[in-house]
Amino acid sequence: DLTLRAGGSVAVPFDFLQRGTLSGSVTVDTNVPGITVTPGTLTF
């Protein structure tokens, strides 16, 4: 679950695992209009 108010924001800690030989820059985006995620780029 992720809960927030319109006009507000919430910080969520994430742990990512890598598969295969992935490294370097990876972008992240959402499919819900009005929701943005920062940072939009992760560096593995």
PDB file of all heavy atoms in Angstrom:
ATOM      1  N   ASP A   1       0.823  -1.211   0.000  1.00  0.00           N
ATOM      2  CA  ASP A   1       0.000   0.000   0.000  1.00  0.00           C
ATOM      3  C   ASP A   1       0.857   1.261   0.000  1.00  0.00           C
ATOM      4  O   ASP A   1       1.898   1.335   0.665  1.00  0.00           O
ATOM      5  CB  ASP A   1      -0.901   0.021   1.236  1.00  0.00           C
ATOM      6  CG  ASP A   1      -2.019  -1.013   1.139  1.00  0.00           C
ATOM      7  OD1 ASP A   1      -2.378  -1.365   0.000  1.00  0.00           O
ATOM      8  OD2 ASP A   1      -2.508  -1.469   2.181  1.00  0.00           O
ATOM      9  N   LEU A   2       0.390   2.244  -0.757  1.00  0.00           N
ATOM     10  CA  LEU A   2       1.024   3.564  -0.802  1.00  0.00           C
ATOM     11  C   LEU A   2      -0.099   4.606  -0.704  1.00  0.00           C
ATOM     12  O   LEU A   2      -1.005   4.621  -1.547  1.00  0.00           O
ATOM     13  CB  LEU A   2       1.810   3.731  -2.102  1.00  0.00           C
ATOM     14  CG  LEU A   2       2.495   5.080  -2.322  1.00  0.00           C
ATOM     15  CD1 LEU A   2       3.582   5.296  -1.281  1.00  0.00           C
ATOM     16  CD2 LEU A   2       3.101   5.154  -3.725  1.00  0.00           C
ATOM     17  N   THR A   3      -0.070   5.461   0.334  1.00  0.00           N
ATOM     18  CA  THR A   3      -1.139   6.439   0.568  1.00  0.00           C
ATOM     19  C   THR A   3      -0.544   7.840   0.607  1.00  0.00           C
ATOM     20  O   THR A   3       0.471   8.076   1.270  1.00  0.00           O
ATOM     21  CB  THR A   3      -1.849   6.143   1.895  1.00  0.00           C
ATOM     22  OG1 THR A   3      -2.411   4.825   1.848  1.00  0.00           O
ATOM     23  CG2 THR A   3      -2.955   7.153   2.148  1.00  0.00           C
ATOM     24  N   LEU A   4      -1.183   8.790  -0.122  1.00  0.00           N
ATOM     25  CA  LEU A   4      -0.766  10.195  -0.068  1.00  0.00           C
ATOM     26  C   LEU A   4      -1.929  11.080  -0.459  1.00  0.00           C
ATOM     27  O   LEU A   4      -2.922  10.620  -1.028  1.00  0.00           O
ATOM     28  CB  LEU A   4       0.440  10.453  -0.956  1.00  0.00           C
ATOM     29  CG  LEU A   4       0.306  10.367  -2.486  1.00  0.00           C
ATOM     30  CD1 LEU A   4       1.467  11.092  -3.144  1.00  0.00           C
ATOM     31  CD2 LEU A   4       0.319   8.924  -2.969  1.00  0.00           C
ATOM     32  N   ARG A   5      -1.806  12.385  -0.108  1.00  0.00           N
ATOM     33  CA  ARG A   5      -2.837  13.378  -0.414  1.00  0.00           C
ATOM     34  C   ARG A   5      -2.499  14.112  -1.703  1.00  0.00           C
ATOM     35  O   ARG A   5      -1.316  14.220  -2.070  1.00  0.00           O
ATOM     36  CB  ARG A   5      -2.960  14.404   0.715  1.00  0.00           C
ATOM     37  CG  ARG A   5      -3.549  13.833   1.989  1.00  0.00           C
ATOM     38  CD  ARG A   5      -3.659  14.923   3.054  1.00  0.00           C
ATOM     39  NE  ARG A   5      -4.290  14.418   4.263  1.00  0.00           N
ATOM     40  CZ  ARG A   5      -5.607  14.363   4.451  1.00  0.00           C
ATOM     41  NH1 ARG A   5      -6.421  14.781   3.497  1.00  0.00           N
ATOM     42  NH2 ARG A   5      -6.103  13.886   5.572  1.00  0.00           N
ATOM     43  N   ALA A   6      -3.512  14.589  -2.397  1.00  0.00           N
ATOM     44  CA  ALA A   6      -3.298  15.415  -3.585  1.00  0.00           C
ATOM     45  C   ALA A   6      -2.467  16.626  -3.200  1.00  0.00           C
ATOM     46  O   ALA A   6      -2.733  17.273  -2.179  1.00  0.00           O
ATOM     47  CB  ALA A   6      -4.637  15.849  -4.173  1.00  0.00           C
ATOM     48  N   GLY A   7      -1.453  16.929  -4.001  1.00  0.00           N
ATOM     49  CA  GLY A   7      -0.550  18.034  -3.704  1.00  0.00           C
ATOM     50  C   GLY A   7       0.555  17.657  -2.735  1.00  0.00           C
ATOM     51  O   GLY A   7       1.458  18.467  -2.487  1.00  0.00           O
ATOM     52  N   GLY A   8       0.527  16.465  -2.195  1.00  0.00           N
ATOM     53  CA  GLY A   8       1.538  16.030  -1.227  1.00  0.00           C
ATOM     54  C   GLY A   8       2.477  14.991  -1.810  1.00  0.00           C
ATOM     55  O   GLY A   8       2.385  14.610  -2.981  1.00  0.00           O
ATOM     56  N   SER A   9       3.377  14.522  -0.979  1.00  0.00           N
ATOM     57  CA  SER A   9       4.346  13.525  -1.414  1.00  0.00           C
ATOM     58  C   SER A   9       4.686  12.597  -0.257  1.00  0.00           C
ATOM     59  O   SER A   9       4.431  12.924   0.910  1.00  0.00           O
ATOM     60  CB  SER A   9       5.619  14.188  -1.958  1.00  0.00           C
ATOM     61  OG  SER A   9       6.242  14.965  -0.947  1.00  0.00           O
ATOM     62  N   VAL A  10       5.280  11.468  -0.586  1.00  0.00           N
ATOM     63  CA  VAL A  10       5.699  10.505   0.421  1.00  0.00           C
ATOM     64  C   VAL A  10       6.986   9.827  -0.064  1.00  0.00           C
ATOM     65  O   VAL A  10       7.130   9.524  -1.253  1.00  0.00           O
ATOM     66  CB  VAL A  10       4.599   9.452   0.693  1.00  0.00           C
ATOM     67  CG1 VAL A  10       4.267   8.654  -0.555  1.00  0.00           C
ATOM     68  CG2 VAL A  10       5.009   8.515   1.817  1.00  0.00           C
ATOM     69  N   ALA A  11       7.939   9.662   0.837  1.00  0.00           N
ATOM     70  CA  ALA A  11       9.207   9.011   0.515  1.00  0.00           C
ATOM     71  C   ALA A  11       9.145   7.550   0.948  1.00  0.00           C
ATOM     72  O   ALA A  11       8.742   7.251   2.081  1.00  0.00           O
ATOM     73  CB  ALA A  11      10.370   9.730   1.187  1.00  0.00           C
ATOM     74  N   VAL A  12       9.542   6.652   0.052  1.00  0.00           N
ATOM     75  CA  VAL A  12       9.470   5.218   0.313  1.00  0.00           C
ATOM     76  C   VAL A  12      10.846   4.594   0.069  1.00  0.00           C
ATOM     77  O   VAL A  12      11.405   4.739  -1.029  1.00  0.00           O
ATOM     78  CB  VAL A  12       8.429   4.532  -0.597  1.00  0.00           C
ATOM     79  CG1 VAL A  12       8.355   3.030  -0.304  1.00  0.00           C
ATOM     80  CG2 VAL A  12       7.065   5.182  -0.435  1.00  0.00           C
ATOM     81  N   PRO A  13      11.433   3.925   1.063  1.00  0.00           N
ATOM     82  CA  PRO A  13      12.709   3.234   0.833  1.00  0.00           C
ATOM     83  C   PRO A  13      12.509   1.972  -0.018  1.00  0.00           C
ATOM     84  O   PRO A  13      11.558   1.218   0.202  1.00  0.00           O
ATOM     85  CB  PRO A  13      13.193   2.897   2.245  1.00  0.00           C
ATOM     86  CG  PRO A  13      11.947   2.856   3.067  1.00  0.00           C
ATOM     87  CD  PRO A  13      10.990   3.831   2.471  1.00  0.00           C
ATOM     88  N   PHE A  14      13.394   1.778  -0.981  1.00  0.00           N
ATOM     89  CA  PHE A  14      13.325   0.624  -1.889  1.00  0.00           C
ATOM     90  C   PHE A  14      14.642  -0.155  -1.839  1.00  0.00           C
ATOM     91  O   PHE A  14      15.721   0.437  -1.723  1.00  0.00           O
ATOM     92  CB  PHE A  14      13.091   1.080  -3.337  1.00  0.00           C
ATOM     93  CG  PHE A  14      11.654   1.299  -3.698  1.00  0.00           C
ATOM     94  CD1 PHE A  14      10.988   2.449  -3.281  1.00  0.00           C
ATOM     95  CD2 PHE A  14      10.962   0.374  -4.462  1.00  0.00           C
ATOM     96  CE1 PHE A  14       9.670   2.666  -3.620  1.00  0.00           C
ATOM     97  CE2 PHE A  14       9.635   0.584  -4.799  1.00  0.00           C
ATOM     98  CZ  PHE A  14       8.980   1.726  -4.379  1.00  0.00           C
ATOM     99  N   ASP A  15      14.532  -1.465  -1.936  1.00  0.00           N
ATOM    100  CA  ASP A  15      15.684  -2.331  -2.149  1.00  0.00           C
ATOM    101  C   ASP A  15      15.504  -3.007  -3.506  1.00  0.00           C
ATOM    102  O   ASP A  15      14.504  -3.699  -3.728  1.00  0.00           O
ATOM    103  CB  ASP A  15      15.793  -3.399  -1.059  1.00  0.00           C
ATOM    104  CG  ASP A  15      16.232  -2.812   0.264  1.00  0.00           C
ATOM    105  OD1 ASP A  15      16.964  -1.807   0.254  1.00  0.00           O
ATOM    106  OD2 ASP A  15      15.836  -3.359   1.314  1.00  0.00           O
ATOM    107  N   PHE A  16      16.468  -2.764  -4.394  1.00  0.00           N
ATOM    108  CA  PHE A  16      16.415  -3.332  -5.739  1.00  0.00           C
ATOM    109  C   PHE A  16      17.460  -4.437  -5.885  1.00  0.00           C
ATOM    110  O   PHE A  16      18.571  -4.326  -5.370  1.00  0.00           O
ATOM    111  CB  PHE A  16      16.699  -2.251  -6.796  1.00  0.00           C
ATOM    112  CG  PHE A  16      15.676  -1.171  -6.851  1.00  0.00           C
ATOM    113  CD1 PHE A  16      15.900   0.051  -6.225  1.00  0.00           C
ATOM    114  CD2 PHE A  16      14.477  -1.346  -7.526  1.00  0.00           C
ATOM    115  CE1 PHE A  16      14.965   1.067  -6.269  1.00  0.00           C
ATOM    116  CE2 PHE A  16      13.534  -0.343  -7.584  1.00  0.00           C
ATOM    117  CZ  PHE A  16      13.772   0.865  -6.955  1.00  0.00           C
ATOM    118  N   LEU A  17      17.077  -5.489  -6.613  1.00  0.00           N
ATOM    119  CA  LEU A  17      18.004  -6.545  -6.988  1.00  0.00           C
ATOM    120  C   LEU A  17      18.208  -6.498  -8.492  1.00  0.00           C
ATOM    121  O   LEU A  17      17.291  -6.137  -9.243  1.00  0.00           O
ATOM    122  CB  LEU A  17      17.462  -7.918  -6.587  1.00  0.00           C
ATOM    123  CG  LEU A  17      17.218  -8.145  -5.092  1.00  0.00           C
ATOM    124  CD1 LEU A  17      16.602  -9.514  -4.870  1.00  0.00           C
ATOM    125  CD2 LEU A  17      18.509  -8.006  -4.296  1.00  0.00           C
ATOM    126  N   GLN A  18      19.408  -6.854  -8.922  1.00  0.00           N
ATOM    127  CA  GLN A  18      19.735  -6.855 -10.343  1.00  0.00           C
ATOM    128  C   GLN A  18      19.781  -8.278 -10.876  1.00  0.00           C
ATOM    129  O   GLN A  18      20.199  -9.202 -10.185  1.00  0.00           O
ATOM    130  CB  GLN A  18      21.077  -6.151 -10.559  1.00  0.00           C
ATOM    131  CG  GLN A  18      21.004  -4.670 -10.204  1.00  0.00           C
ATOM    132  CD  GLN A  18      22.373  -4.035 -10.085  1.00  0.00           C
ATOM    133  OE1 GLN A  18      22.806  -3.724  -8.986  1.00  0.00           O
ATOM    134  NE2 GLN A  18      23.046  -3.849 -11.200  1.00  0.00           N
ATOM    135  N   ARG A  19      19.316  -8.423 -12.099  1.00  0.00           N
ATOM    136  CA  ARG A  19      19.297  -9.720 -12.759  1.00  0.00           C
ATOM    137  C   ARG A  19      20.253  -9.698 -13.945  1.00  0.00           C
ATOM    138  O   ARG A  19      20.317  -8.714 -14.686  1.00  0.00           O
ATOM    139  CB  ARG A  19      17.878 -10.066 -13.243  1.00  0.00           C
ATOM    140  CG  ARG A  19      16.887 -10.260 -12.090  1.00  0.00           C
ATOM    141  CD  ARG A  19      17.213 -11.539 -11.328  1.00  0.00           C
ATOM    142  NE  ARG A  19      16.282 -11.808 -10.256  1.00  0.00           N
ATOM    143  CZ  ARG A  19      16.518 -11.523  -8.986  1.00  0.00           C
ATOM    144  NH1 ARG A  19      17.661 -10.952  -8.629  1.00  0.00           N
ATOM    145  NH2 ARG A  19      15.644 -11.813  -8.049  1.00  0.00           N
ATOM    146  N   GLY A  20      20.987 -10.808 -14.124  1.00  0.00           N
ATOM    147  CA  GLY A  20      21.923 -10.864 -15.230  1.00  0.00           C
ATOM    148  C   GLY A  20      23.041  -9.861 -15.057  1.00  0.00           C
ATOM    149  O   GLY A  20      23.525  -9.614 -13.957  1.00  0.00           O
ATOM    150  N   THR A  21      23.464  -9.248 -16.142  1.00  0.00           N
ATOM    151  CA  THR A  21      24.592  -8.316 -16.109  1.00  0.00           C
ATOM    152  C   THR A  21      24.133  -6.864 -16.160  1.00  0.00           C
ATOM    153  O   THR A  21      24.868  -5.995 -16.615  1.00  0.00           O
ATOM    154  CB  THR A  21      25.528  -8.600 -17.288  1.00  0.00           C
ATOM    155  OG1 THR A  21      24.784  -8.523 -18.510  1.00  0.00           O
ATOM    156  CG2 THR A  21      26.151  -9.988 -17.166  1.00  0.00           C
ATOM    157  N   LEU A  22      22.930  -6.574 -15.676  1.00  0.00           N
ATOM    158  CA  LEU A  22      22.439  -5.198 -15.711  1.00  0.00           C
ATOM    159  C   LEU A  22      23.286  -4.294 -14.821  1.00  0.00           C
ATOM    160  O   LEU A  22      23.629  -4.638 -13.685  1.00  0.00           O
ATOM    161  CB  LEU A  22      20.978  -5.150 -15.250  1.00  0.00           C
ATOM    162  CG  LEU A  22      20.363  -3.742 -15.252  1.00  0.00           C
ATOM    163  CD1 LEU A  22      18.979  -3.760 -15.865  1.00  0.00           C
ATOM    164  CD2 LEU A  22      20.298  -3.172 -13.838  1.00  0.00           C
ATOM    165  N   SER A  23      23.635  -3.111 -15.332  1.00  0.00           N
ATOM    166  CA  SER A  23      24.300  -2.067 -14.556  1.00  0.00           C
ATOM    167  C   SER A  23      24.094  -0.754 -15.287  1.00  0.00           C
ATOM    168  O   SER A  23      23.640  -0.720 -16.434  1.00  0.00           O
ATOM    169  CB  SER A  23      25.799  -2.367 -14.396  1.00  0.00           C
ATOM    170  OG  SER A  23      26.447  -2.340 -15.650  1.00  0.00           O
ATOM    171  N   GLY A  24      24.401   0.359 -14.600  1.00  0.00           N
ATOM    172  CA  GLY A  24      24.260   1.673 -15.214  1.00  0.00           C
ATOM    173  C   GLY A  24      22.900   2.294 -14.950  1.00  0.00           C
ATOM    174  O   GLY A  24      22.204   1.957 -13.990  1.00  0.00           O
ATOM    175  N   SER A  25      22.512   3.229 -15.829  1.00  0.00           N
ATOM    176  CA  SER A  25      21.310   4.044 -15.621  1.00  0.00           C
ATOM    177  C   SER A  25      20.045   3.311 -16.037  1.00  0.00           C
ATOM    178  O   SER A  25      19.985   2.702 -17.104  1.00  0.00           O
ATOM    179  CB  SER A  25      21.416   5.352 -16.415  1.00  0.00           C
ATOM    180  OG  SER A  25      22.513   6.118 -15.959  1.00  0.00           O
ATOM    181  N   VAL A  26      19.025   3.404 -15.170  1.00  0.00           N
ATOM    182  CA  VAL A  26      17.709   2.827 -15.429  1.00  0.00           C
ATOM    183  C   VAL A  26      16.662   3.862 -15.071  1.00  0.00           C
ATOM    184  O   VAL A  26      16.699   4.438 -13.980  1.00  0.00           O
ATOM    185  CB  VAL A  26      17.490   1.543 -14.600  1.00  0.00           C
ATOM    186  CG1 VAL A  26      16.049   1.049 -14.726  1.00  0.00           C
ATOM    187  CG2 VAL A  26      18.460   0.450 -15.026  1.00  0.00           C
ATOM    188  N   THR A  27      15.736   4.131 -15.983  1.00  0.00           N
ATOM    189  CA  THR A  27      14.669   5.089 -15.712  1.00  0.00           C
ATOM    190  C   THR A  27      13.484   4.387 -15.067  1.00  0.00           C
ATOM    191  O   THR A  27      13.276   3.188 -15.253  1.00  0.00           O
ATOM    192  CB  THR A  27      14.203   5.791 -16.995  1.00  0.00           C
ATOM    193  OG1 THR A  27      13.678   4.822 -17.907  1.00  0.00           O
ATOM    194  CG2 THR A  27      15.358   6.531 -17.656  1.00  0.00           C
ATOM    195  N   VAL A  28      12.695   5.169 -14.292  1.00  0.00           N
ATOM    196  CA  VAL A  28      11.506   4.639 -13.639  1.00  0.00           C
ATOM    197  C   VAL A  28      10.361   5.605 -13.858  1.00  0.00           C
ATOM    198  O   VAL A  28      10.532   6.831 -13.753  1.00  0.00           O
ATOM    199  CB  VAL A  28      11.762   4.384 -12.137  1.00  0.00           C
ATOM    200  CG1 VAL A  28      12.260   5.637 -11.441  1.00  0.00           C
ATOM    201  CG2 VAL A  28      10.517   3.850 -11.447  1.00  0.00           C
ATOM    202  N   ASP A  29       9.195   5.088 -14.212  1.00  0.00           N
ATOM    203  CA  ASP A  29       8.015   5.939 -14.386  1.00  0.00           C
ATOM    204  C   ASP A  29       6.778   5.188 -13.945  1.00  0.00           C
ATOM    205  O   ASP A  29       6.826   3.974 -13.710  1.00  0.00           O
ATOM    206  CB  ASP A  29       7.883   6.420 -15.838  1.00  0.00           C
ATOM    207  CG  ASP A  29       7.814   5.273 -16.837  1.00  0.00           C
ATOM    208  OD1 ASP A  29       6.917   4.424 -16.713  1.00  0.00           O
ATOM    209  OD2 ASP A  29       8.670   5.219 -17.740  1.00  0.00           O
ATOM    210  N   THR A  30       5.644   5.917 -13.820  1.00  0.00           N
ATOM    211  CA  THR A  30       4.389   5.311 -13.378  1.00  0.00           C
ATOM    212  C   THR A  30       3.355   5.400 -14.486  1.00  0.00           C
ATOM    213  O   THR A  30       3.508   6.165 -15.441  1.00  0.00           O
ATOM    214  CB  THR A  30       3.837   6.010 -12.124  1.00  0.00           C
ATOM    215  OG1 THR A  30       3.200   7.239 -12.524  1.00  0.00           O
ATOM    216  CG2 THR A  30       4.943   6.308 -11.139  1.00  0.00           C
ATOM    217  N   ASN A  31       2.293   4.603 -14.337  1.00  0.00           N
ATOM    218  CA  ASN A  31       1.210   4.625 -15.324  1.00  0.00           C
ATOM    219  C   ASN A  31      -0.008   5.394 -14.836  1.00  0.00           C
ATOM    220  O   ASN A  31      -1.068   5.330 -15.453  1.00  0.00           O
ATOM    221  CB  ASN A  31       0.804   3.192 -15.675  1.00  0.00           C
ATOM    222  CG  ASN A  31       0.164   2.475 -14.490  1.00  0.00           C
ATOM    223  OD1 ASN A  31       0.464   2.782 -13.340  1.00  0.00           O
ATOM    224  ND2 ASN A  31      -0.719   1.519 -14.769  1.00  0.00           N
ATOM    225  N   VAL A  32       0.118   6.127 -13.703  1.00  0.00           N
ATOM    226  CA  VAL A  32      -1.017   6.870 -13.154  1.00  0.00           C
ATOM    227  C   VAL A  32      -0.818   8.357 -13.429  1.00  0.00           C
ATOM    228  O   VAL A  32       0.147   8.959 -12.923  1.00  0.00           O
ATOM    229  CB  VAL A  32      -1.154   6.628 -11.640  1.00  0.00           C
ATOM    230  CG1 VAL A  32      -2.311   7.449 -11.072  1.00  0.00           C
ATOM    231  CG2 VAL A  32      -1.372   5.148 -11.362  1.00  0.00           C
ATOM    232  N   PRO A  33      -1.679   8.982 -14.230  1.00  0.00           N
ATOM    233  CA  PRO A  33      -1.560  10.415 -14.489  1.00  0.00           C
ATOM    234  C   PRO A  33      -1.636  11.211 -13.181  1.00  0.00           C
ATOM    235  O   PRO A  33      -2.453  10.918 -12.310  1.00  0.00           O
ATOM    236  CB  PRO A  33      -2.764  10.718 -15.384  1.00  0.00           C
ATOM    237  CG  PRO A  33      -3.113   9.398 -16.019  1.00  0.00           C
ATOM    238  CD  PRO A  33      -2.802   8.371 -14.979  1.00  0.00           C
ATOM    239  N   GLY A  34      -0.773  12.205 -13.049  1.00  0.00           N
ATOM    240  CA  GLY A  34      -0.764  13.045 -11.854  1.00  0.00           C
ATOM    241  C   GLY A  34       0.237  12.580 -10.808  1.00  0.00           C
ATOM    242  O   GLY A  34       0.495  13.293  -9.839  1.00  0.00           O
ATOM    243  N   ILE A  35       0.803  11.378 -10.968  1.00  0.00           N
ATOM    244  CA  ILE A  35       1.802  10.862 -10.019  1.00  0.00           C
ATOM    245  C   ILE A  35       3.175  10.935 -10.682  1.00  0.00           C
ATOM    246  O   ILE A  35       3.368  10.442 -11.793  1.00  0.00           O
ATOM    247  CB  ILE A  35       1.506   9.404  -9.608  1.00  0.00           C
ATOM    248  CG1 ILE A  35       0.161   9.312  -8.897  1.00  0.00           C
ATOM    249  CG2 ILE A  35       2.626   8.875  -8.714  1.00  0.00           C
ATOM    250  CD1 ILE A  35       0.117  10.020  -7.553  1.00  0.00           C
ATOM    251  N   THR A  36       4.103  11.582  -9.997  1.00  0.00           N
ATOM    252  CA  THR A  36       5.483  11.618 -10.462  1.00  0.00           C
ATOM    253  C   THR A  36       6.377  10.934  -9.430  1.00  0.00           C
ATOM    254  O   THR A  36       6.052  10.863  -8.245  1.00  0.00           O
ATOM    255  CB  THR A  36       5.965  13.057 -10.672  1.00  0.00           C
ATOM    256  OG1 THR A  36       5.828  13.795  -9.453  1.00  0.00           O
ATOM    257  CG2 THR A  36       5.153  13.741 -11.769  1.00  0.00           C
ATOM    258  N   VAL A  37       7.522  10.408  -9.919  1.00  0.00           N
ATOM    259  CA  VAL A  37       8.470   9.737  -9.046  1.00  0.00           C
ATOM    260  C   VAL A  37       9.829  10.395  -9.185  1.00  0.00           C
ATOM    261  O   VAL A  37      10.263  10.727 -10.295  1.00  0.00           O
ATOM    262  CB  VAL A  37       8.533   8.226  -9.360  1.00  0.00           C
ATOM    263  CG1 VAL A  37       8.912   7.984 -10.806  1.00  0.00           C
ATOM    264  CG2 VAL A  37       9.505   7.524  -8.429  1.00  0.00           C
ATOM    265  N   THR A  38      10.476  10.647  -8.039  1.00  0.00           N
ATOM    266  CA  THR A  38      11.793  11.285  -8.003  1.00  0.00           C
ATOM    267  C   THR A  38      12.723  10.436  -7.120  1.00  0.00           C
ATOM    268  O   THR A  38      12.316  10.054  -6.018  1.00  0.00           O
ATOM    269  CB  THR A  38      11.690  12.706  -7.421  1.00  0.00           C
ATOM    270  OG1 THR A  38      10.674  13.440  -8.142  1.00  0.00           O
ATOM    271  CG2 THR A  38      13.022  13.426  -7.514  1.00  0.00           C
ATOM    272  N   PRO A  39      13.934  10.164  -7.574  1.00  0.00           N
ATOM    273  CA  PRO A  39      14.492  10.507  -8.890  1.00  0.00           C
ATOM    274  C   PRO A  39      13.898   9.640  -9.989  1.00  0.00           C
ATOM    275  O   PRO A  39      13.477   8.505  -9.727  1.00  0.00           O
ATOM    276  CB  PRO A  39      15.982  10.232  -8.704  1.00  0.00           C
ATOM    277  CG  PRO A  39      16.020   9.130  -7.695  1.00  0.00           C
ATOM    278  CD  PRO A  39      14.901   9.415  -6.740  1.00  0.00           C
ATOM    279  N   GLY A  40      13.923  10.147 -11.195  1.00  0.00           N
ATOM    280  CA  GLY A  40      13.402   9.399 -12.330  1.00  0.00           C
ATOM    281  C   GLY A  40      14.424   8.473 -12.953  1.00  0.00           C
ATOM    282  O   GLY A  40      14.092   7.701 -13.844  1.00  0.00           O
ATOM    283  N   THR A  41      15.672   8.559 -12.467  1.00  0.00           N
ATOM    284  CA  THR A  41      16.740   7.696 -12.988  1.00  0.00           C
ATOM    285  C   THR A  41      17.501   7.085 -11.820  1.00  0.00           C
ATOM    286  O   THR A  41      17.887   7.790 -10.877  1.00  0.00           O
ATOM    287  CB  THR A  41      17.707   8.485 -13.879  1.00  0.00           C
ATOM    288  OG1 THR A  41      16.991   9.022 -14.996  1.00  0.00           O
ATOM    289  CG2 THR A  41      18.818   7.575 -14.398  1.00  0.00           C
ATOM    290  N   LEU A  42      17.718   5.795 -11.879  1.00  0.00           N
ATOM    291  CA  LEU A  42      18.497   5.071 -10.877  1.00  0.00           C
ATOM    292  C   LEU A  42      19.813   4.625 -11.517  1.00  0.00           C
ATOM    293  O   LEU A  42      19.851   4.293 -12.703  1.00  0.00           O
ATOM    294  CB  LEU A  42      17.726   3.851 -10.381  1.00  0.00           C
ATOM    295  CG  LEU A  42      16.320   4.105  -9.843  1.00  0.00           C
ATOM    296  CD1 LEU A  42      15.623   2.775  -9.552  1.00  0.00           C
ATOM    297  CD2 LEU A  42      16.362   4.970  -8.601  1.00  0.00           C
ATOM    298  N   THR A  43      20.869   4.607 -10.727  1.00  0.00           N
ATOM    299  CA  THR A  43      22.169   4.155 -11.227  1.00  0.00           C
ATOM    300  C   THR A  43      22.596   2.925 -10.446  1.00  0.00           C
ATOM    301  O   THR A  43      22.798   2.986  -9.226  1.00  0.00           O
ATOM    302  CB  THR A  43      23.231   5.256 -11.095  1.00  0.00           C
ATOM    303  OG1 THR A  43      22.799   6.418 -11.816  1.00  0.00           O
ATOM    304  CG2 THR A  43      24.568   4.773 -11.664  1.00  0.00           C
ATOM    305  N   PHE A  44      22.727   1.809 -11.164  1.00  0.00           N
ATOM    306  CA  PHE A  44      23.091   0.547 -10.541  1.00  0.00           C
ATOM    307  C   PHE A  44      24.602   0.325 -10.645  1.00  0.00           C
ATOM    308  O   PHE A  44      25.244   0.816 -11.573  1.00  0.00           O
ATOM    309  CB  PHE A  44      22.338  -0.607 -11.202  1.00  0.00           C
ATOM    310  CG  PHE A  44      20.879  -0.634 -10.850  1.00  0.00           C
ATOM    311  CD1 PHE A  44      19.952   0.087 -11.588  1.00  0.00           C
ATOM    312  CD2 PHE A  44      20.439  -1.367  -9.765  1.00  0.00           C
ATOM    313  CE1 PHE A  44      18.604   0.063 -11.258  1.00  0.00           C
ATOM    314  CE2 PHE A  44      19.088  -1.401  -9.425  1.00  0.00           C
ATOM    315  CZ  PHE A  44      18.174  -0.670 -10.162  1.00  0.00           C
TER     316      PHE A  44
END
